[in-house]
């Protein structure tokens, strides 16, 4: 009987938790998050007067950097070295791709990828967490 009561109580607590928190993602999707333009007003500043970059930032999605998108102009002819051009042209995801194998994206895929960047800043350092 005690075990059944605990189970029912756990389910009730989870249901309440979900009901209370489910509107939060909807409330956080403001116009700026939808790409309606740059933020308005002055840039936030740290107490020392320097710009405050801390927070969660969404970078523009650039799945293919050679094509124009709504946010960014592509570069049709990428400036490769001979070795880099050979690597680009011989790329075959069938032969192995770390993202396709559920491994973390590399830095360049993270910058133009679909996931936000968390920036942490103090008086001396800035850290970008992908």
C-alpha atoms as a PDB file:
ATOM      1  CA  UNK A   1       0.000   0.000   0.000  1.00  0.00           C
ATOM      2  CA  UNK A   2       2.845   2.390   0.899  1.00  0.00           C
ATOM      3  CA  UNK A   3       4.586   1.638  -2.421  1.00  0.00           C
ATOM      4  CA  UNK A   4       1.416   2.384  -4.411  1.00  0.00           C
ATOM      5  CA  UNK A   5       0.906   5.663  -2.522  1.00  0.00           C
ATOM      6  CA  UNK A   6       4.509   6.682  -3.274  1.00  0.00           C
ATOM      7  CA  UNK A   7       4.026   5.838  -6.958  1.00  0.00           C
ATOM      8  CA  UNK A   8       0.820   7.906  -7.210  1.00  0.00           C
ATOM      9  CA  UNK A   9       2.431  10.794  -5.340  1.00  0.00           C
ATOM     10  CA  UNK A  10       5.434  10.730  -7.705  1.00  0.00           C
ATOM     11  CA  UNK A  11       3.199  10.796 -10.783  1.00  0.00           C
ATOM     12  CA  UNK A  12       1.167  13.678  -9.344  1.00  0.00           C
ATOM     13  CA  UNK A  13       4.337  15.655  -8.589  1.00  0.00           C
ATOM     14  CA  UNK A  14       5.694  15.105 -12.112  1.00  0.00           C
ATOM     15  CA  UNK A  15       2.368  16.096 -13.687  1.00  0.00           C
ATOM     16  CA  UNK A  16       2.314  19.298 -11.634  1.00  0.00           C
ATOM     17  CA  UNK A  17       5.945  20.040 -12.560  1.00  0.00           C
ATOM     18  CA  UNK A  18       5.208  19.606 -16.293  1.00  0.00           C
ATOM     19  CA  UNK A  19       2.006  21.676 -16.109  1.00  0.00           C
ATOM     20  CA  UNK A  20       3.768  24.553 -14.364  1.00  0.00           C
ATOM     21  CA  UNK A  21       6.875  24.627 -16.575  1.00  0.00           C
ATOM     22  CA  UNK A  22       5.391  23.850 -20.000  1.00  0.00           C
ATOM     23  CA  UNK A  23       4.393  27.484 -20.768  1.00  0.00           C
ATOM     24  CA  UNK A  24       7.949  28.747 -20.107  1.00  0.00           C
ATOM     25  CA  UNK A  25       9.465  27.850 -23.502  1.00  0.00           C
ATOM     26  CA  UNK A  26       6.562  29.566 -25.254  1.00  0.00           C
ATOM     27  CA  UNK A  27       6.987  32.706 -23.181  1.00  0.00           C
ATOM     28  CA  UNK A  28      10.714  32.867 -23.974  1.00  0.00           C
ATOM     29  CA  UNK A  29      10.184  32.870 -27.745  1.00  0.00           C
ATOM     30  CA  UNK A  30      10.112  36.620 -28.251  1.00  0.00           C
ATOM     31  CA  UNK A  31      10.341  38.479 -31.555  1.00  0.00           C
ATOM     32  CA  UNK A  32      14.135  38.787 -31.305  1.00  0.00           C
ATOM     33  CA  UNK A  33      14.434  35.022 -30.911  1.00  0.00           C
ATOM     34  CA  UNK A  34      12.527  34.593 -34.179  1.00  0.00           C
ATOM     35  CA  UNK A  35      15.044  36.712 -36.083  1.00  0.00           C
ATOM     36  CA  UNK A  36      13.011  39.946 -36.295  1.00  0.00           C
ATOM     37  CA  UNK A  37      16.177  42.028 -36.205  1.00  0.00           C
ATOM     38  CA  UNK A  38      18.839  43.344 -33.895  1.00  0.00           C
ATOM     39  CA  UNK A  39      18.081  44.146 -30.255  1.00  0.00           C
ATOM     40  CA  UNK A  40      16.990  47.732 -29.603  1.00  0.00           C
ATOM     41  CA  UNK A  41      18.722  50.152 -27.255  1.00  0.00           C
ATOM     42  CA  UNK A  42      22.228  50.346 -25.858  1.00  0.00           C
ATOM     43  CA  UNK A  43      24.420  47.286 -25.431  1.00  0.00           C
ATOM     44  CA  UNK A  44      24.552  46.033 -21.837  1.00  0.00           C
ATOM     45  CA  UNK A  45      27.705  46.982 -19.947  1.00  0.00           C
ATOM     46  CA  UNK A  46      29.676  45.411 -17.139  1.00  0.00           C
ATOM     47  CA  UNK A  47      30.455  47.475 -14.006  1.00  0.00           C
ATOM     48  CA  UNK A  48      33.881  48.267 -15.522  1.00  0.00           C
ATOM     49  CA  UNK A  49      32.192  49.805 -18.604  1.00  0.00           C
ATOM     50  CA  UNK A  50      33.140  47.034 -21.043  1.00  0.00           C
ATOM     51  CA  UNK A  51      30.419  45.312 -23.115  1.00  0.00           C
ATOM     52  CA  UNK A  52      28.686  42.414 -21.383  1.00  0.00           C
ATOM     53  CA  UNK A  53      28.470  39.429 -23.733  1.00  0.00           C
ATOM     54  CA  UNK A  54      27.318  36.946 -21.099  1.00  0.00           C
ATOM     55  CA  UNK A  55      24.149  34.995 -21.777  1.00  0.00           C
ATOM     56  CA  UNK A  56      22.762  32.513 -24.259  1.00  0.00           C
ATOM     57  CA  UNK A  57      23.125  33.552 -27.905  1.00  0.00           C
ATOM     58  CA  UNK A  58      21.605  31.976 -31.000  1.00  0.00           C
ATOM     59  CA  UNK A  59      23.891  32.144 -34.023  1.00  0.00           C
ATOM     60  CA  UNK A  60      22.453  32.228 -37.550  1.00  0.00           C
ATOM     61  CA  UNK A  61      22.063  28.786 -39.106  1.00  0.00           C
ATOM     62  CA  UNK A  62      24.551  28.311 -41.952  1.00  0.00           C
ATOM     63  CA  UNK A  63      24.182  24.692 -43.056  1.00  0.00           C
ATOM     64  CA  UNK A  64      25.933  25.450 -46.355  1.00  0.00           C
ATOM     65  CA  UNK A  65      28.339  28.395 -46.289  1.00  0.00           C
ATOM     66  CA  UNK A  66      28.518  28.475 -50.094  1.00  0.00           C
ATOM     67  CA  UNK A  67      24.846  29.547 -50.455  1.00  0.00           C
ATOM     68  CA  UNK A  68      22.985  32.737 -49.546  1.00  0.00           C
ATOM     69  CA  UNK A  69      20.423  32.434 -46.755  1.00  0.00           C
ATOM     70  CA  UNK A  70      17.895  34.848 -45.247  1.00  0.00           C
ATOM     71  CA  UNK A  71      20.451  36.020 -42.674  1.00  0.00           C
ATOM     72  CA  UNK A  72      23.790  35.701 -44.377  1.00  0.00           C
ATOM     73  CA  UNK A  73      25.544  35.966 -47.722  1.00  0.00           C
ATOM     74  CA  UNK A  74      27.321  32.790 -48.775  1.00  0.00           C
ATOM     75  CA  UNK A  75      30.780  32.508 -50.307  1.00  0.00           C
ATOM     76  CA  UNK A  76      30.454  30.497 -53.558  1.00  0.00           C
ATOM     77  CA  UNK A  77      34.228  30.087 -54.013  1.00  0.00           C
ATOM     78  CA  UNK A  78      35.800  29.150 -50.694  1.00  0.00           C
ATOM     79  CA  UNK A  79      39.491  30.178 -50.323  1.00  0.00           C
ATOM     80  CA  UNK A  80      41.080  26.745 -49.851  1.00  0.00           C
ATOM     81  CA  UNK A  81      44.684  25.729 -49.728  1.00  0.00           C
ATOM     82  CA  UNK A  82      45.467  22.822 -52.069  1.00  0.00           C
ATOM     83  CA  UNK A  83      45.230  20.341 -49.168  1.00  0.00           C
ATOM     84  CA  UNK A  84      41.964  21.864 -47.902  1.00  0.00           C
ATOM     85  CA  UNK A  85      40.388  21.762 -51.375  1.00  0.00           C
ATOM     86  CA  UNK A  86      41.297  18.087 -51.711  1.00  0.00           C
ATOM     87  CA  UNK A  87      39.736  17.375 -48.300  1.00  0.00           C
ATOM     88  CA  UNK A  88      36.551  19.302 -49.217  1.00  0.00           C
ATOM     89  CA  UNK A  89      36.133  17.557 -52.557  1.00  0.00           C
ATOM     90  CA  UNK A  90      36.833  14.066 -51.197  1.00  0.00           C
ATOM     91  CA  UNK A  91      34.489  14.390 -48.193  1.00  0.00           C
ATOM     92  CA  UNK A  92      32.060  11.487 -48.034  1.00  0.00           C
ATOM     93  CA  UNK A  93      29.791  11.183 -44.981  1.00  0.00           C
ATOM     94  CA  UNK A  94      29.292   7.498 -45.830  1.00  0.00           C
ATOM     95  CA  UNK A  95      32.961   6.934 -44.929  1.00  0.00           C
ATOM     96  CA  UNK A  96      32.520   8.508 -41.520  1.00  0.00           C
ATOM     97  CA  UNK A  97      31.198  11.749 -40.154  1.00  0.00           C
ATOM     98  CA  UNK A  98      31.543  12.554 -36.474  1.00  0.00           C
ATOM     99  CA  UNK A  99      28.190  14.381 -36.276  1.00  0.00           C
ATOM    100  CA  UNK A 100      26.462  11.529 -38.090  1.00  0.00           C
ATOM    101  CA  UNK A 101      27.990   9.147 -35.575  1.00  0.00           C
ATOM    102  CA  UNK A 102      26.436  11.093 -32.664  1.00  0.00           C
ATOM    103  CA  UNK A 103      29.774  12.622 -31.686  1.00  0.00           C
ATOM    104  CA  UNK A 104      29.990  16.346 -30.813  1.00  0.00           C
ATOM    105  CA  UNK A 105      30.123  18.914 -33.606  1.00  0.00           C
ATOM    106  CA  UNK A 106      33.495  20.512 -34.227  1.00  0.00           C
ATOM    107  CA  UNK A 107      34.022  24.220 -33.558  1.00  0.00           C
ATOM    108  CA  UNK A 108      33.176  25.398 -37.072  1.00  0.00           C
ATOM    109  CA  UNK A 109      29.967  23.358 -37.229  1.00  0.00           C
ATOM    110  CA  UNK A 110      29.037  24.667 -33.786  1.00  0.00           C
ATOM    111  CA  UNK A 111      29.433  28.316 -34.783  1.00  0.00           C
ATOM    112  CA  UNK A 112      27.083  27.986 -37.788  1.00  0.00           C
ATOM    113  CA  UNK A 113      25.005  25.190 -36.333  1.00  0.00           C
ATOM    114  CA  UNK A 114      21.494  25.031 -34.955  1.00  0.00           C
ATOM    115  CA  UNK A 115      22.424  25.104 -31.266  1.00  0.00           C
ATOM    116  CA  UNK A 116      22.839  28.213 -29.082  1.00  0.00           C
ATOM    117  CA  UNK A 117      26.114  29.394 -27.571  1.00  0.00           C
ATOM    118  CA  UNK A 118      26.385  30.108 -23.833  1.00  0.00           C
ATOM    119  CA  UNK A 119      28.839  32.920 -23.157  1.00  0.00           C
ATOM    120  CA  UNK A 120      30.286  33.297 -19.654  1.00  0.00           C
ATOM    121  CA  UNK A 121      32.320  36.407 -18.876  1.00  0.00           C
ATOM    122  CA  UNK A 122      34.208  37.808 -15.918  1.00  0.00           C
ATOM    123  CA  UNK A 123      36.769  40.604 -15.513  1.00  0.00           C
ATOM    124  CA  UNK A 124      39.535  38.638 -17.217  1.00  0.00           C
ATOM    125  CA  UNK A 125      38.072  35.887 -19.415  1.00  0.00           C
ATOM    126  CA  UNK A 126      35.282  35.119 -21.871  1.00  0.00           C
ATOM    127  CA  UNK A 127      34.264  31.466 -22.370  1.00  0.00           C
ATOM    128  CA  UNK A 128      32.004  30.255 -25.173  1.00  0.00           C
ATOM    129  CA  UNK A 129      30.271  26.974 -24.348  1.00  0.00           C
ATOM    130  CA  UNK A 130      28.825  24.991 -27.247  1.00  0.00           C
END
